[in-house]
Amino acid sequence: SLAAGADQLFARLVLTAGGGLRVIVPCRDYARTFTTPGDLAGYHELLGLAEHTRELDFPAPTEEAFFAAGRAVADDADRLLAVWDGLPARGLGGTADVVAYAGRLGTPVTVIWPTGLTR
């Protein structure tokens, strides 16, 4: 979904490695969730570089929209890479929820979290 932080960092690494981006936009007004001009600019830049974009039919950013986007990513994935500290989600649709959903689908999940890092 090209959220600020790990999503945008990972998207840039994929592009640098020669891969392509398939983006799930959680809702029509998703851009307003970005709190800094740099994160918003990164979102627009990466969105413009995407090979495929799918916007979900939610009018505004909500936890339900974010969880639907996470489920859509897991539904399309052969393997899910999750930057996750192993803690419960801080709201519906957080990484813990998406990892659990992928597990129920039988999609392999690789968790990436450097030792000693905290959120």
PDB file of N, CA and C in Angstrom:
ATOM      1  N   SER A   1       0.816  -1.218   0.000  1.00  0.00           N
ATOM      2  CA  SER A   1       0.000   0.000   0.000  1.00  0.00           C
ATOM      3  C   SER A   1       0.844   1.259   0.000  1.00  0.00           C
ATOM      4  N   LEU A   2       2.156   1.095  -0.014  1.00  0.00           N
ATOM      5  CA  LEU A   2       3.100   2.217  -0.072  1.00  0.00           C
ATOM      6  C   LEU A   2       2.983   3.150   1.119  1.00  0.00           C
ATOM      7  N   ALA A   3       2.662   2.590   2.286  1.00  0.00           N
ATOM      8  CA  ALA A   3       2.637   3.388   3.505  1.00  0.00           C
ATOM      9  C   ALA A   3       4.030   3.931   3.789  1.00  0.00           C
ATOM     10  N   ALA A   4       4.086   4.998   4.573  1.00  0.00           N
ATOM     11  CA  ALA A   4       5.372   5.563   4.972  1.00  0.00           C
ATOM     12  C   ALA A   4       6.154   4.520   5.766  1.00  0.00           C
ATOM     13  N   GLY A   5       7.453   4.546   5.623  1.00  0.00           N
ATOM     14  CA  GLY A   5       8.305   3.633   6.373  1.00  0.00           C
ATOM     15  C   GLY A   5       8.675   2.411   5.576  1.00  0.00           C
ATOM     16  N   ALA A   6       8.463   1.239   6.173  1.00  0.00           N
ATOM     17  CA  ALA A   6       8.918  -0.018   5.577  1.00  0.00           C
ATOM     18  C   ALA A   6       8.313  -0.279   4.202  1.00  0.00           C
ATOM     19  N   ASP A   7       7.043   0.078   3.995  1.00  0.00           N
ATOM     20  CA  ASP A   7       6.417  -0.163   2.682  1.00  0.00           C
ATOM     21  C   ASP A   7       7.162   0.572   1.573  1.00  0.00           C
ATOM     22  N   GLN A   8       7.418   1.849   1.788  1.00  0.00           N
ATOM     23  CA  GLN A   8       8.101   2.632   0.762  1.00  0.00           C
ATOM     24  C   GLN A   8       9.553   2.199   0.609  1.00  0.00           C
ATOM     25  N   LEU A   9      10.213   1.891   1.706  1.00  0.00           N
ATOM     26  CA  LEU A   9      11.599   1.417   1.639  1.00  0.00           C
ATOM     27  C   LEU A   9      11.679   0.124   0.839  1.00  0.00           C
ATOM     28  N   PHE A  10      10.811  -0.816   1.136  1.00  0.00           N
ATOM     29  CA  PHE A  10      10.818  -2.097   0.432  1.00  0.00           C
ATOM     30  C   PHE A  10      10.499  -1.902  -1.051  1.00  0.00           C
ATOM     31  N   ALA A  11       9.541  -1.033  -1.354  1.00  0.00           N
ATOM     32  CA  ALA A  11       9.193  -0.771  -2.756  1.00  0.00           C
ATOM     33  C   ALA A  11      10.402  -0.234  -3.523  1.00  0.00           C
ATOM     34  N   ARG A  12      11.159   0.648  -2.901  1.00  0.00           N
ATOM     35  CA  ARG A  12      12.358   1.185  -3.551  1.00  0.00           C
ATOM     36  C   ARG A  12      13.412   0.101  -3.770  1.00  0.00           C
ATOM     37  N   LEU A  13      13.548  -0.793  -2.793  1.00  0.00           N
ATOM     38  CA  LEU A  13      14.506  -1.892  -2.943  1.00  0.00           C
ATOM     39  C   LEU A  13      14.091  -2.826  -4.076  1.00  0.00           C
ATOM     40  N   VAL A  14      12.807  -3.099  -4.195  1.00  0.00           N
ATOM     41  CA  VAL A  14      12.308  -3.942  -5.288  1.00  0.00           C
ATOM     42  C   VAL A  14      12.631  -3.304  -6.631  1.00  0.00           C
ATOM     43  N   LEU A  15      12.385  -2.015  -6.750  1.00  0.00           N
ATOM     44  CA  LEU A  15      12.666  -1.318  -8.004  1.00  0.00           C
ATOM     45  C   LEU A  15      14.161  -1.311  -8.310  1.00  0.00           C
ATOM     46  N   THR A  16      14.984  -1.084  -7.288  1.00  0.00           N
ATOM     47  CA  THR A  16      16.438  -1.077  -7.470  1.00  0.00           C
ATOM     48  C   THR A  16      16.937  -2.436  -7.944  1.00  0.00           C
ATOM     49  N   ALA A  17      16.295  -3.501  -7.482  1.00  0.00           N
ATOM     50  CA  ALA A  17      16.682  -4.861  -7.871  1.00  0.00           C
ATOM     51  C   ALA A  17      16.105  -5.259  -9.231  1.00  0.00           C
ATOM     52  N   GLY A  18      15.370  -4.359  -9.871  1.00  0.00           N
ATOM     53  CA  GLY A  18      14.827  -4.646 -11.187  1.00  0.00           C
ATOM     54  C   GLY A  18      13.426  -5.220 -11.174  1.00  0.00           C
ATOM     55  N   GLY A  19      12.798  -5.253 -10.003  1.00  0.00           N
ATOM     56  CA  GLY A  19      11.439  -5.779  -9.917  1.00  0.00           C
ATOM     57  C   GLY A  19      10.407  -4.720 -10.233  1.00  0.00           C
ATOM     58  N   GLY A  20       9.145  -5.122 -10.205  1.00  0.00           N
ATOM     59  CA  GLY A  20       8.038  -4.219 -10.472  1.00  0.00           C
ATOM     60  C   GLY A  20       7.117  -4.124  -9.272  1.00  0.00           C
ATOM     61  N   LEU A  21       6.322  -3.085  -9.247  1.00  0.00           N
ATOM     62  CA  LEU A  21       5.399  -2.852  -8.135  1.00  0.00           C
ATOM     63  C   LEU A  21       3.960  -3.096  -8.561  1.00  0.00           C
ATOM     64  N   ARG A  22       3.251  -3.816  -7.711  1.00  0.00           N
ATOM     65  CA  ARG A  22       1.804  -3.979  -7.820  1.00  0.00           C
ATOM     66  C   ARG A  22       1.240  -3.383  -6.539  1.00  0.00           C
ATOM     67  N   VAL A  23       0.510  -2.301  -6.663  1.00  0.00           N
ATOM     68  CA  VAL A  23       0.092  -1.524  -5.504  1.00  0.00           C
ATOM     69  C   VAL A  23      -1.395  -1.700  -5.238  1.00  0.00           C
ATOM     70  N   ILE A  24      -1.726  -1.925  -3.978  1.00  0.00           N
ATOM     71  CA  ILE A  24      -3.114  -1.937  -3.523  1.00  0.00           C
ATOM     72  C   ILE A  24      -3.316  -0.644  -2.730  1.00  0.00           C
ATOM     73  N   VAL A  25      -4.180   0.232  -3.220  1.00  0.00           N
ATOM     74  CA  VAL A  25      -4.501   1.476  -2.526  1.00  0.00           C
ATOM     75  C   VAL A  25      -5.748   1.203  -1.683  1.00  0.00           C
ATOM     76  N   PRO A  26      -5.670   1.381  -0.382  1.00  0.00           N
ATOM     77  CA  PRO A  26      -6.784   0.988   0.493  1.00  0.00           C
ATOM     78  C   PRO A  26      -8.095   1.739   0.280  1.00  0.00           C
ATOM     79  N   CYS A  27      -8.030   2.993  -0.185  1.00  0.00           N
ATOM     80  CA  CYS A  27      -9.252   3.790  -0.286  1.00  0.00           C
ATOM     81  C   CYS A  27      -9.027   4.983  -1.199  1.00  0.00           C
ATOM     82  N   ARG A  28     -10.124   5.645  -1.541  1.00  0.00           N
ATOM     83  CA  ARG A  28     -10.038   6.774  -2.462  1.00  0.00           C
ATOM     84  C   ARG A  28      -9.265   7.954  -1.884  1.00  0.00           C
ATOM     85  N   ASP A  29      -9.327   8.180  -0.611  1.00  0.00           N
ATOM     86  CA  ASP A  29      -8.692   9.349   0.000  1.00  0.00           C
ATOM     87  C   ASP A  29      -7.427   8.951   0.787  1.00  0.00           C
ATOM     88  N   TYR A  30      -6.747   7.908   0.314  1.00  0.00           N
ATOM     89  CA  TYR A  30      -5.582   7.371   1.038  1.00  0.00           C
ATOM     90  C   TYR A  30      -4.465   8.396   1.210  1.00  0.00           C
ATOM     91  N   ALA A  31      -4.264   9.275   0.245  1.00  0.00           N
ATOM     92  CA  ALA A  31      -3.151  10.227   0.303  1.00  0.00           C
ATOM     93  C   ALA A  31      -3.203  11.107   1.551  1.00  0.00           C
ATOM     94  N   ARG A  32      -4.371  11.315   2.114  1.00  0.00           N
ATOM     95  CA  ARG A  32      -4.446  12.193   3.293  1.00  0.00           C
ATOM     96  C   ARG A  32      -3.901  11.530   4.560  1.00  0.00           C
ATOM     97  N   THR A  33      -3.568  10.245   4.500  1.00  0.00           N
ATOM     98  CA  THR A  33      -3.000   9.576   5.672  1.00  0.00           C
ATOM     99  C   THR A  33      -1.524   9.911   5.868  1.00  0.00           C
ATOM    100  N   PHE A  34      -0.891  10.500   4.869  1.00  0.00           N
ATOM    101  CA  PHE A  34       0.534  10.814   4.967  1.00  0.00           C
ATOM    102  C   PHE A  34       0.712  12.124   5.724  1.00  0.00           C
ATOM    103  N   THR A  35       1.570  12.101   6.740  1.00  0.00           N
ATOM    104  CA  THR A  35       1.682  13.239   7.646  1.00  0.00           C
ATOM    105  C   THR A  35       2.854  14.163   7.331  1.00  0.00           C
ATOM    106  N   THR A  36       3.756  13.741   6.450  1.00  0.00           N
ATOM    107  CA  THR A  36       4.864  14.629   6.082  1.00  0.00           C
ATOM    108  C   THR A  36       4.885  14.795   4.563  1.00  0.00           C
ATOM    109  N   PRO A  37       5.339  15.942   4.104  1.00  0.00           N
ATOM    110  CA  PRO A  37       5.425  16.152   2.653  1.00  0.00           C
ATOM    111  C   PRO A  37       6.332  15.123   1.971  1.00  0.00           C
ATOM    112  N   GLY A  38       7.403  14.708   2.630  1.00  0.00           N
ATOM    113  CA  GLY A  38       8.313  13.718   2.042  1.00  0.00           C
ATOM    114  C   GLY A  38       7.655  12.364   1.856  1.00  0.00           C
ATOM    115  N   ASP A  39       6.892  11.930   2.858  1.00  0.00           N
ATOM    116  CA  ASP A  39       6.206  10.638   2.744  1.00  0.00           C
ATOM    117  C   ASP A  39       5.136  10.679   1.654  1.00  0.00           C
ATOM    118  N   LEU A  40       4.424  11.793   1.569  1.00  0.00           N
ATOM    119  CA  LEU A  40       3.405  11.945   0.528  1.00  0.00           C
ATOM    120  C   LEU A  40       4.052  11.967  -0.859  1.00  0.00           C
ATOM    121  N   ALA A  41       5.155  12.685  -0.988  1.00  0.00           N
ATOM    122  CA  ALA A  41       5.859  12.733  -2.276  1.00  0.00           C
ATOM    123  C   ALA A  41       6.367  11.348  -2.653  1.00  0.00           C
ATOM    124  N   GLY A  42       6.884  10.601  -1.675  1.00  0.00           N
ATOM    125  CA  GLY A  42       7.336   9.239  -1.944  1.00  0.00           C
ATOM    126  C   GLY A  42       6.201   8.349  -2.405  1.00  0.00           C
ATOM    127  N   TYR A  43       5.045   8.499  -1.777  1.00  0.00           N
ATOM    128  CA  TYR A  43       3.862   7.726  -2.178  1.00  0.00           C
ATOM    129  C   TYR A  43       3.500   8.013  -3.634  1.00  0.00           C
ATOM    130  N   HIS A  44       3.402   9.293  -3.976  1.00  0.00           N
ATOM    131  CA  HIS A  44       3.026   9.656  -5.348  1.00  0.00           C
ATOM    132  C   HIS A  44       4.078   9.191  -6.358  1.00  0.00           C
ATOM    133  N   GLU A  45       5.351   9.324  -6.001  1.00  0.00           N
ATOM    134  CA  GLU A  45       6.414   8.882  -6.906  1.00  0.00           C
ATOM    135  C   GLU A  45       6.320   7.380  -7.161  1.00  0.00           C
ATOM    136  N   LEU A  46       6.205   6.598  -6.080  1.00  0.00           N
ATOM    137  CA  LEU A  46       6.151   5.138  -6.229  1.00  0.00           C
ATOM    138  C   LEU A  46       4.868   4.696  -6.919  1.00  0.00           C
ATOM    139  N   LEU A  47       3.770   5.360  -6.616  1.00  0.00           N
ATOM    140  CA  LEU A  47       2.507   5.034  -7.280  1.00  0.00           C
ATOM    141  C   LEU A  47       2.644   5.235  -8.787  1.00  0.00           C
ATOM    142  N   GLY A  48       3.349   6.287  -9.169  1.00  0.00           N
ATOM    143  CA  GLY A  48       3.566   6.548 -10.586  1.00  0.00           C
ATOM    144  C   GLY A  48       4.467   5.526 -11.257  1.00  0.00           C
ATOM    145  N   LEU A  49       5.276   4.825 -10.491  1.00  0.00           N
ATOM    146  CA  LEU A  49       6.186   3.808 -11.031  1.00  0.00           C
ATOM    147  C   LEU A  49       5.582   2.403 -11.024  1.00  0.00           C
ATOM    148  N   ALA A  50       4.399   2.269 -10.450  1.00  0.00           N
ATOM    149  CA  ALA A  50       3.770   0.951 -10.322  1.00  0.00           C
ATOM    150  C   ALA A  50       3.358   0.394 -11.685  1.00  0.00           C
ATOM    151  N   GLU A  51       3.565  -0.902 -11.861  1.00  0.00           N
ATOM    152  CA  GLU A  51       3.122  -1.589 -13.078  1.00  0.00           C
ATOM    153  C   GLU A  51       1.621  -1.820 -13.061  1.00  0.00           C
ATOM    154  N   HIS A  52       1.083  -1.969 -11.864  1.00  0.00           N
ATOM    155  CA  HIS A  52      -0.350  -2.234 -11.710  1.00  0.00           C
ATOM    156  C   HIS A  52      -0.809  -1.582 -10.411  1.00  0.00           C
ATOM    157  N   THR A  53      -1.941  -0.907 -10.458  1.00  0.00           N
ATOM    158  CA  THR A  53      -2.517  -0.282  -9.265  1.00  0.00           C
ATOM    159  C   THR A  53      -3.977  -0.689  -9.159  1.00  0.00           C
ATOM    160  N   ARG A  54      -4.375  -1.049  -7.959  1.00  0.00           N
ATOM    161  CA  ARG A  54      -5.780  -1.395  -7.696  1.00  0.00           C
ATOM    162  C   ARG A  54      -6.234  -0.600  -6.483  1.00  0.00           C
ATOM    163  N   GLU A  55      -7.257   0.215  -6.662  1.00  0.00           N
ATOM    164  CA  GLU A  55      -7.810   0.988  -5.551  1.00  0.00           C
ATOM    165  C   GLU A  55      -9.055   0.276  -5.033  1.00  0.00           C
ATOM    166  N   LEU A  56      -9.085   0.033  -3.731  1.00  0.00           N
ATOM    167  CA  LEU A  56     -10.245  -0.628  -3.136  1.00  0.00           C
ATOM    168  C   LEU A  56     -11.404   0.357  -3.002  1.00  0.00           C
ATOM    169  N   ASP A  57     -12.601  -0.174  -2.912  1.00  0.00           N
ATOM    170  CA  ASP A  57     -13.814   0.641  -2.918  1.00  0.00           C
ATOM    171  C   ASP A  57     -14.202   1.090  -1.505  1.00  0.00           C
ATOM    172  N   PHE A  58     -13.309   1.824  -0.875  1.00  0.00           N
ATOM    173  CA  PHE A  58     -13.595   2.447   0.412  1.00  0.00           C
ATOM    174  C   PHE A  58     -13.455   3.953   0.194  1.00  0.00           C
ATOM    175  N   PRO A  59     -14.390   4.758   0.686  1.00  0.00           N
ATOM    176  CA  PRO A  59     -14.331   6.191   0.419  1.00  0.00           C
ATOM    177  C   PRO A  59     -13.256   6.932   1.222  1.00  0.00           C
ATOM    178  N   ALA A  60     -12.897   6.395   2.378  1.00  0.00           N
ATOM    179  CA  ALA A  60     -11.976   7.111   3.264  1.00  0.00           C
ATOM    180  C   ALA A  60     -11.097   6.110   4.006  1.00  0.00           C
ATOM    181  N   PRO A  61      -9.983   6.591   4.560  1.00  0.00           N
ATOM    182  CA  PRO A  61      -9.097   5.709   5.323  1.00  0.00           C
ATOM    183  C   PRO A  61      -9.768   5.232   6.613  1.00  0.00           C
ATOM    184  N   THR A  62      -9.864   3.928   6.750  1.00  0.00           N
ATOM    185  CA  THR A  62     -10.380   3.319   7.976  1.00  0.00           C
ATOM    186  C   THR A  62      -9.579   2.053   8.242  1.00  0.00           C
ATOM    187  N   GLU A  63      -9.668   1.542   9.453  1.00  0.00           N
ATOM    188  CA  GLU A  63      -9.002   0.279   9.766  1.00  0.00           C
ATOM    189  C   GLU A  63      -9.511  -0.835   8.861  1.00  0.00           C
ATOM    190  N   GLU A  64     -10.796  -0.822   8.555  1.00  0.00           N
ATOM    191  CA  GLU A  64     -11.364  -1.837   7.670  1.00  0.00           C
ATOM    192  C   GLU A  64     -10.737  -1.770   6.278  1.00  0.00           C
ATOM    193  N   ALA A  65     -10.528  -0.549   5.780  1.00  0.00           N
ATOM    194  CA  ALA A  65      -9.899  -0.384   4.463  1.00  0.00           C
ATOM    195  C   ALA A  65      -8.463  -0.900   4.496  1.00  0.00           C
ATOM    196  N   PHE A  66      -7.737  -0.587   5.565  1.00  0.00           N
ATOM    197  CA  PHE A  66      -6.350  -1.031   5.666  1.00  0.00           C
ATOM    198  C   PHE A  66      -6.268  -2.558   5.763  1.00  0.00           C
ATOM    199  N   PHE A  67      -7.188  -3.172   6.514  1.00  0.00           N
ATOM    200  CA  PHE A  67      -7.187  -4.631   6.624  1.00  0.00           C
ATOM    201  C   PHE A  67      -7.574  -5.268   5.290  1.00  0.00           C
ATOM    202  N   ALA A  68      -8.524  -4.671   4.590  1.00  0.00           N
ATOM    203  CA  ALA A  68      -8.899  -5.186   3.265  1.00  0.00           C
ATOM    204  C   ALA A  68      -7.707  -5.122   2.319  1.00  0.00           C
ATOM    205  N   ALA A  69      -6.924  -4.048   2.395  1.00  0.00           N
ATOM    206  CA  ALA A  69      -5.735  -3.931   1.542  1.00  0.00           C
ATOM    207  C   ALA A  69      -4.710  -4.998   1.913  1.00  0.00           C
ATOM    208  N   GLY A  70      -4.495  -5.215   3.198  1.00  0.00           N
ATOM    209  CA  GLY A  70      -3.571  -6.260   3.628  1.00  0.00           C
ATOM    210  C   GLY A  70      -4.016  -7.635   3.180  1.00  0.00           C
ATOM    211  N   ARG A  71      -5.314  -7.910   3.264  1.00  0.00           N
ATOM    212  CA  ARG A  71      -5.841  -9.194   2.798  1.00  0.00           C
ATOM    213  C   ARG A  71      -5.649  -9.332   1.289  1.00  0.00           C
ATOM    214  N   ALA A  72      -5.871  -8.241   0.542  1.00  0.00           N
ATOM    215  CA  ALA A  72      -5.692  -8.291  -0.918  1.00  0.00           C
ATOM    216  C   ALA A  72      -4.238  -8.601  -1.270  1.00  0.00           C
ATOM    217  N   VAL A  73      -3.305  -8.012  -0.546  1.00  0.00           N
ATOM    218  CA  VAL A  73      -1.883  -8.315  -0.766  1.00  0.00           C
ATOM    219  C   VAL A  73      -1.623  -9.796  -0.499  1.00  0.00           C
ATOM    220  N   ALA A  74      -2.115 -10.289   0.628  1.00  0.00           N
ATOM    221  CA  ALA A  74      -1.905 -11.703   0.976  1.00  0.00           C
ATOM    222  C   ALA A  74      -2.589 -12.626  -0.031  1.00  0.00           C
ATOM    223  N   ASP A  75      -3.764 -12.250  -0.498  1.00  0.00           N
ATOM    224  CA  ASP A  75      -4.483 -13.072  -1.484  1.00  0.00           C
ATOM    225  C   ASP A  75      -3.675 -13.242  -2.770  1.00  0.00           C
ATOM    226  N   ASP A  76      -2.927 -12.195  -3.147  1.00  0.00           N
ATOM    227  CA  ASP A  76      -2.169 -12.214  -4.398  1.00  0.00           C
ATOM    228  C   ASP A  76      -0.747 -12.750  -4.244  1.00  0.00           C
ATOM    229  N   ALA A  77      -0.320 -12.986  -3.016  1.00  0.00           N
ATOM    230  CA  ALA A  77       1.087 -13.308  -2.764  1.00  0.00           C
ATOM    231  C   ALA A  77       1.365 -14.816  -2.814  1.00  0.00           C
ATOM    232  N   ASP A  78       2.527 -15.152  -3.356  1.00  0.00           N
ATOM    233  CA  ASP A  78       3.040 -16.519  -3.254  1.00  0.00           C
ATOM    234  C   ASP A  78       3.758 -16.691  -1.920  1.00  0.00           C
ATOM    235  N   ARG A  79       4.320 -15.609  -1.429  1.00  0.00           N
ATOM    236  CA  ARG A  79       5.009 -15.550  -0.137  1.00  0.00           C
ATOM    237  C   ARG A  79       4.864 -14.137   0.376  1.00  0.00           C
ATOM    238  N   LEU A  80       4.648 -14.008   1.679  1.00  0.00           N
ATOM    239  CA  LEU A  80       4.510 -12.695   2.292  1.00  0.00           C
ATOM    240  C   LEU A  80       5.766 -12.389   3.099  1.00  0.00           C
ATOM    241  N   LEU A  81       6.380 -11.252   2.821  1.00  0.00           N
ATOM    242  CA  LEU A  81       7.485 -10.757   3.633  1.00  0.00           C
ATOM    243  C   LEU A  81       6.913  -9.697   4.555  1.00  0.00           C
ATOM    244  N   ALA A  82       7.052  -9.903   5.852  1.00  0.00           N
ATOM    245  CA  ALA A  82       6.451  -8.991   6.818  1.00  0.00           C
ATOM    246  C   ALA A  82       7.529  -8.348   7.676  1.00  0.00           C
ATOM    247  N   VAL A  83       7.601  -7.032   7.642  1.00  0.00           N
ATOM    248  CA  VAL A  83       8.464  -6.299   8.565  1.00  0.00           C
ATOM    249  C   VAL A  83       7.623  -6.129   9.824  1.00  0.00           C
ATOM    250  N   TRP A  84       7.919  -6.964  10.825  1.00  0.00           N
ATOM    251  CA  TRP A  84       7.008  -7.095  11.972  1.00  0.00           C
ATOM    252  C   TRP A  84       7.778  -7.468  13.217  1.00  0.00           C
ATOM    253  N   ASP A  85       7.449  -6.823  14.313  1.00  0.00           N
ATOM    254  CA  ASP A  85       8.114  -7.081  15.584  1.00  0.00           C
ATOM    255  C   ASP A  85       7.482  -8.224  16.372  1.00  0.00           C
ATOM    256  N   GLY A  86       6.453  -8.850  15.826  1.00  0.00           N
ATOM    257  CA  GLY A  86       5.806  -9.972  16.501  1.00  0.00           C
ATOM    258  C   GLY A  86       4.749  -9.566  17.511  1.00  0.00           C
ATOM    259  N   LEU A  87       4.541  -8.271  17.696  1.00  0.00           N
ATOM    260  CA  LEU A  87       3.552  -7.795  18.658  1.00  0.00           C
ATOM    261  C   LEU A  87       2.172  -7.703  18.014  1.00  0.00           C
ATOM    262  N   PRO A  88       1.124  -7.705  18.854  1.00  0.00           N
ATOM    263  CA  PRO A  88      -0.234  -7.566  18.302  1.00  0.00           C
ATOM    264  C   PRO A  88      -0.394  -6.264  17.538  1.00  0.00           C
ATOM    265  N   ALA A  89      -1.337  -6.259  16.617  1.00  0.00           N
ATOM    266  CA  ALA A  89      -1.648  -5.058  15.847  1.00  0.00           C
ATOM    267  C   ALA A  89      -2.141  -3.968  16.793  1.00  0.00           C
ATOM    268  N   ARG A  90      -1.849  -2.715  16.449  1.00  0.00           N
ATOM    269  CA  ARG A  90      -2.319  -1.577  17.245  1.00  0.00           C
ATOM    270  C   ARG A  90      -3.676  -1.092  16.768  1.00  0.00           C
ATOM    271  N   GLY A  91      -4.283  -1.827  15.897  1.00  0.00           N
ATOM    272  CA  GLY A  91      -5.600  -1.525  15.358  1.00  0.00           C
ATOM    273  C   GLY A  91      -5.890  -2.557  14.286  1.00  0.00           C
ATOM    274  N   LEU A  92      -7.153  -2.719  13.938  1.00  0.00           N
ATOM    275  CA  LEU A  92      -7.530  -3.683  12.917  1.00  0.00           C
ATOM    276  C   LEU A  92      -6.762  -3.420  11.629  1.00  0.00           C
ATOM    277  N   GLY A  93      -6.200  -4.474  11.071  1.00  0.00           N
ATOM    278  CA  GLY A  93      -5.493  -4.351   9.804  1.00  0.00           C
ATOM    279  C   GLY A  93      -4.004  -4.153   9.935  1.00  0.00           C
ATOM    280  N   GLY A  94      -3.485  -4.195  11.150  1.00  0.00           N
ATOM    281  CA  GLY A  94      -2.049  -4.080  11.350  1.00  0.00           C
ATOM    282  C   GLY A  94      -1.330  -5.324  10.850  1.00  0.00           C
ATOM    283  N   THR A  95      -0.025  -5.278  10.914  1.00  0.00           N
ATOM    284  CA  THR A  95       0.792  -6.369  10.381  1.00  0.00           C
ATOM    285  C   THR A  95       0.429  -7.707  11.017  1.00  0.00           C
ATOM    286  N   ALA A  96       0.184  -7.727  12.316  1.00  0.00           N
ATOM    287  CA  ALA A  96      -0.173  -8.986  12.981  1.00  0.00           C
ATOM    288  C   ALA A  96      -1.426  -9.596  12.368  1.00  0.00           C
ATOM    289  N   ASP A  97      -2.407  -8.768  12.043  1.00  0.00           N
ATOM    290  CA  ASP A  97      -3.648  -9.264  11.443  1.00  0.00           C
ATOM    291  C   ASP A  97      -3.395  -9.840  10.049  1.00  0.00           C
ATOM    292  N   VAL A  98      -2.563  -9.171   9.275  1.00  0.00           N
ATOM    293  CA  VAL A  98      -2.282  -9.621   7.911  1.00  0.00           C
ATOM    294  C   VAL A  98      -1.460 -10.903   7.939  1.00  0.00           C
ATOM    295  N   VAL A  99      -0.493 -10.999   8.848  1.00  0.00           N
ATOM    296  CA  VAL A  99       0.299 -12.228   8.987  1.00  0.00           C
ATOM    297  C   VAL A  99      -0.609 -13.397   9.384  1.00  0.00           C
ATOM    298  N   ALA A 100      -1.514 -13.170  10.321  1.00  0.00           N
ATOM    299  CA  ALA A 100      -2.442 -14.235  10.726  1.00  0.00           C
ATOM    300  C   ALA A 100      -3.337 -14.645   9.561  1.00  0.00           C
ATOM    301  N   TYR A 101      -3.818 -13.682   8.806  1.00  0.00           N
ATOM    302  CA  TYR A 101      -4.660 -13.977   7.648  1.00  0.00           C
ATOM    303  C   TYR A 101      -3.896 -14.805   6.624  1.00  0.00           C
ATOM    304  N   ALA A 102      -2.666 -14.407   6.314  1.00  0.00           N
ATOM    305  CA  ALA A 102      -1.842 -15.165   5.361  1.00  0.00           C
ATOM    306  C   ALA A 102      -1.628 -16.588   5.860  1.00  0.00           C
ATOM    307  N   GLY A 103      -1.419 -16.733   7.159  1.00  0.00           N
ATOM    308  CA  GLY A 103      -1.265 -18.075   7.735  1.00  0.00           C
ATOM    309  C   GLY A 103      -2.505 -18.928   7.531  1.00  0.00           C
ATOM    310  N   ARG A 104      -3.677 -18.318   7.677  1.00  0.00           N
ATOM    311  CA  ARG A 104      -4.925 -19.069   7.461  1.00  0.00           C
ATOM    312  C   ARG A 104      -5.072 -19.478   5.999  1.00  0.00           C
ATOM    313  N   LEU A 105      -4.512 -18.677   5.092  1.00  0.00           N
ATOM    314  CA  LEU A 105      -4.550 -19.028   3.667  1.00  0.00           C
ATOM    315  C   LEU A 105      -3.548 -20.121   3.317  1.00  0.00           C
ATOM    316  N   GLY A 106      -2.569 -20.319   4.200  1.00  0.00           N
ATOM    317  CA  GLY A 106      -1.487 -21.250   3.896  1.00  0.00           C
ATOM    318  C   GLY A 106      -0.351 -20.594   3.123  1.00  0.00           C
ATOM    319  N   THR A 107      -0.359 -19.275   3.044  1.00  0.00           N
ATOM    320  CA  THR A 107       0.706 -18.540   2.355  1.00  0.00           C
ATOM    321  C   THR A 107       1.931 -18.495   3.263  1.00  0.00           C
ATOM    322  N   PRO A 108       3.091 -18.909   2.771  1.00  0.00           N
ATOM    323  CA  PRO A 108       4.297 -18.822   3.601  1.00  0.00           C
ATOM    324  C   PRO A 108       4.598 -17.370   3.959  1.00  0.00           C
ATOM    325  N   VAL A 109       5.021 -17.160   5.202  1.00  0.00           N
ATOM    326  CA  VAL A 109       5.336 -15.828   5.700  1.00  0.00           C
ATOM    327  C   VAL A 109       6.770 -15.817   6.207  1.00  0.00           C
ATOM    328  N   THR A 110       7.545 -14.847   5.747  1.00  0.00           N
ATOM    329  CA  THR A 110       8.884 -14.619   6.270  1.00  0.00           C
ATOM    330  C   THR A 110       8.851 -13.301   7.022  1.00  0.00           C
ATOM    331  N   VAL A 111       9.205 -13.354   8.303  1.00  0.00           N
ATOM    332  CA  VAL A 111       9.203 -12.156   9.133  1.00  0.00           C
ATOM    333  C   VAL A 111      10.608 -11.566   9.158  1.00  0.00           C
ATOM    334  N   ILE A 112      10.681 -10.275   8.915  1.00  0.00           N
ATOM    335  CA  ILE A 112      11.941  -9.544   8.945  1.00  0.00           C
ATOM    336  C   ILE A 112      11.858  -8.553  10.098  1.00  0.00           C
ATOM    337  N   TRP A 113      12.730  -8.726  11.088  1.00  0.00           N
ATOM    338  CA  TRP A 113      12.798  -7.773  12.192  1.00  0.00           C
ATOM    339  C   TRP A 113      14.185  -7.856  12.808  1.00  0.00           C
ATOM    340  N   PRO A 114      14.995  -6.830  12.624  1.00  0.00           N
ATOM    341  CA  PRO A 114      16.357  -6.859  13.162  1.00  0.00           C
ATOM    342  C   PRO A 114      16.384  -6.977  14.686  1.00  0.00           C
ATOM    343  N   THR A 115      17.268  -7.789  15.189  1.00  0.00           N
ATOM    344  CA  THR A 115      17.440  -7.956  16.633  1.00  0.00           C
ATOM    345  C   THR A 115      17.758  -6.618  17.269  1.00  0.00           C
ATOM    346  N   GLY A 116      17.075  -6.324  18.364  1.00  0.00           N
ATOM    347  CA  GLY A 116      17.325  -5.098  19.101  1.00  0.00           C
ATOM    348  C   GLY A 116      16.524  -3.898  18.654  1.00  0.00           C
ATOM    349  N   LEU A 117      15.861  -4.002  17.519  1.00  0.00           N
ATOM    350  CA  LEU A 117      15.060  -2.892  17.005  1.00  0.00           C
ATOM    351  C   LEU A 117      13.726  -2.832  17.756  1.00  0.00           C
ATOM    352  N   THR A 118      13.262  -1.646  18.071  1.00  0.00           N
ATOM    353  CA  THR A 118      11.947  -1.483  18.697  1.00  0.00           C
ATOM    354  C   THR A 118      11.160  -0.440  17.914  1.00  0.00           C
ATOM    355  N   ARG A 119       9.843  -0.568  18.009  1.00  0.00           N
ATOM    356  CA  ARG A 119       9.021   0.439  17.328  1.00  0.00           C
ATOM    357  C   ARG A 119       8.550   1.488  18.290  1.00  0.00           C
TER     358      ARG A 119
END
